[in-house]
């Protein structure tokens, strides 16, 4: 439960700086850095905060792409038909 609250707070911070509501700030920072955006420097800051994790922002980006933060039934990109 605590991890989910931290993810929700992270997503709120990301939304406050203009990011998508369902993306973490770490993932957004990776994309901004990758795309050469001015706020891309946040990747270095966030990676330094999470110094014990290798490539924190990149791993967050991959986690978002793979939908790891969602319940298993929501992770499929395929919409089931009834």
Protein backbone atom coordinates (compact mmCIF):
# COMPACT_ATOMS: atom_id res chain seq x y z
CA UNK A 1 0.00 0.00 0.00
CA UNK A 2 2.81 2.44 0.82
CA UNK A 3 4.41 1.85 -2.58
CA UNK A 4 1.12 2.69 -4.31
CA UNK A 5 0.80 5.92 -2.30
CA UNK A 6 4.33 6.92 -3.27
CA UNK A 7 3.57 6.18 -6.94
CA UNK A 8 0.39 8.29 -6.72
CA UNK A 9 2.35 11.18 -5.17
CA UNK A 10 5.02 10.81 -7.85
CA UNK A 11 2.35 10.95 -10.57
CA UNK A 12 0.85 14.05 -8.95
CA UNK A 13 4.23 15.81 -9.02
CA UNK A 14 4.63 14.85 -12.67
CA UNK A 15 1.17 16.22 -13.48
CA UNK A 16 1.97 19.50 -11.69
CA UNK A 17 4.93 20.10 -14.03
CA UNK A 18 2.78 19.38 -17.08
CA UNK A 19 3.26 15.64 -17.53
CA UNK A 20 0.63 12.97 -18.08
CA UNK A 21 -1.40 12.08 -15.00
CA UNK A 22 -0.65 8.36 -15.22
CA UNK A 23 3.13 8.61 -15.68
CA UNK A 24 5.75 8.87 -12.96
CA UNK A 25 8.08 11.83 -12.81
CA UNK A 26 11.04 9.45 -13.19
CA UNK A 27 9.73 8.03 -16.46
CA UNK A 28 8.91 11.50 -17.74
CA UNK A 29 12.40 12.72 -16.77
CA UNK A 30 13.93 9.89 -18.80
CA UNK A 31 11.85 10.84 -21.86
CA UNK A 32 12.67 14.55 -21.48
CA UNK A 33 16.39 13.73 -21.24
CA UNK A 34 16.20 11.32 -24.19
CA UNK A 35 14.40 13.94 -26.30
CA UNK A 36 16.78 16.78 -25.36
CA UNK A 37 14.11 18.82 -23.55
CA UNK A 38 15.14 21.57 -21.07
CA UNK A 39 13.72 19.69 -18.06
CA UNK A 40 15.79 16.64 -19.04
CA UNK A 41 18.32 17.55 -16.36
CA UNK A 42 15.81 16.10 -13.85
CA UNK A 43 16.93 12.63 -14.90
CA UNK A 44 20.37 13.20 -13.37
CA UNK A 45 18.84 14.67 -10.20
CA UNK A 46 16.36 11.81 -9.74
CA UNK A 47 18.95 9.14 -10.57
CA UNK A 48 21.23 10.70 -7.93
CA UNK A 49 18.43 10.61 -5.33
CA UNK A 50 17.90 6.90 -6.07
CA UNK A 51 21.67 6.24 -6.16
CA UNK A 52 21.28 2.61 -5.02
CA UNK A 53 19.22 1.81 -8.13
CA UNK A 54 21.01 1.53 -11.47
CA UNK A 55 19.41 3.76 -14.13
CA UNK A 56 16.34 4.54 -11.99
CA UNK A 57 14.63 6.81 -14.53
CA UNK A 58 15.25 4.46 -17.44
CA UNK A 59 13.90 1.52 -15.42
CA UNK A 60 10.84 3.61 -14.51
CA UNK A 61 10.29 4.32 -18.20
CA UNK A 62 10.46 0.59 -19.01
CA UNK A 63 8.11 -0.15 -16.10
CA UNK A 64 5.59 2.33 -17.53
CA UNK A 65 5.87 0.81 -21.01
CA UNK A 66 5.30 -2.67 -19.57
CA UNK A 67 2.50 -1.36 -17.31
CA UNK A 68 4.07 -2.99 -14.23
CA UNK A 69 2.37 -0.52 -11.87
CA UNK A 70 -1.08 -1.71 -12.93
CA UNK A 71 -3.03 -4.70 -11.63
CA UNK A 72 -2.34 -7.77 -13.80
CA UNK A 73 -5.73 -7.64 -15.54
CA UNK A 74 -4.98 -4.11 -16.83
CA UNK A 75 -1.47 -4.85 -18.14
CA UNK A 76 -2.58 -6.31 -21.46
CA UNK A 77 -2.80 -3.81 -24.30
CA UNK A 78 -5.40 -6.01 -25.92
CA UNK A 79 -9.04 -5.16 -25.16
CA UNK A 80 -11.02 -8.35 -24.57
CA UNK A 81 -14.34 -8.79 -26.33
CA UNK A 82 -17.33 -10.26 -24.56
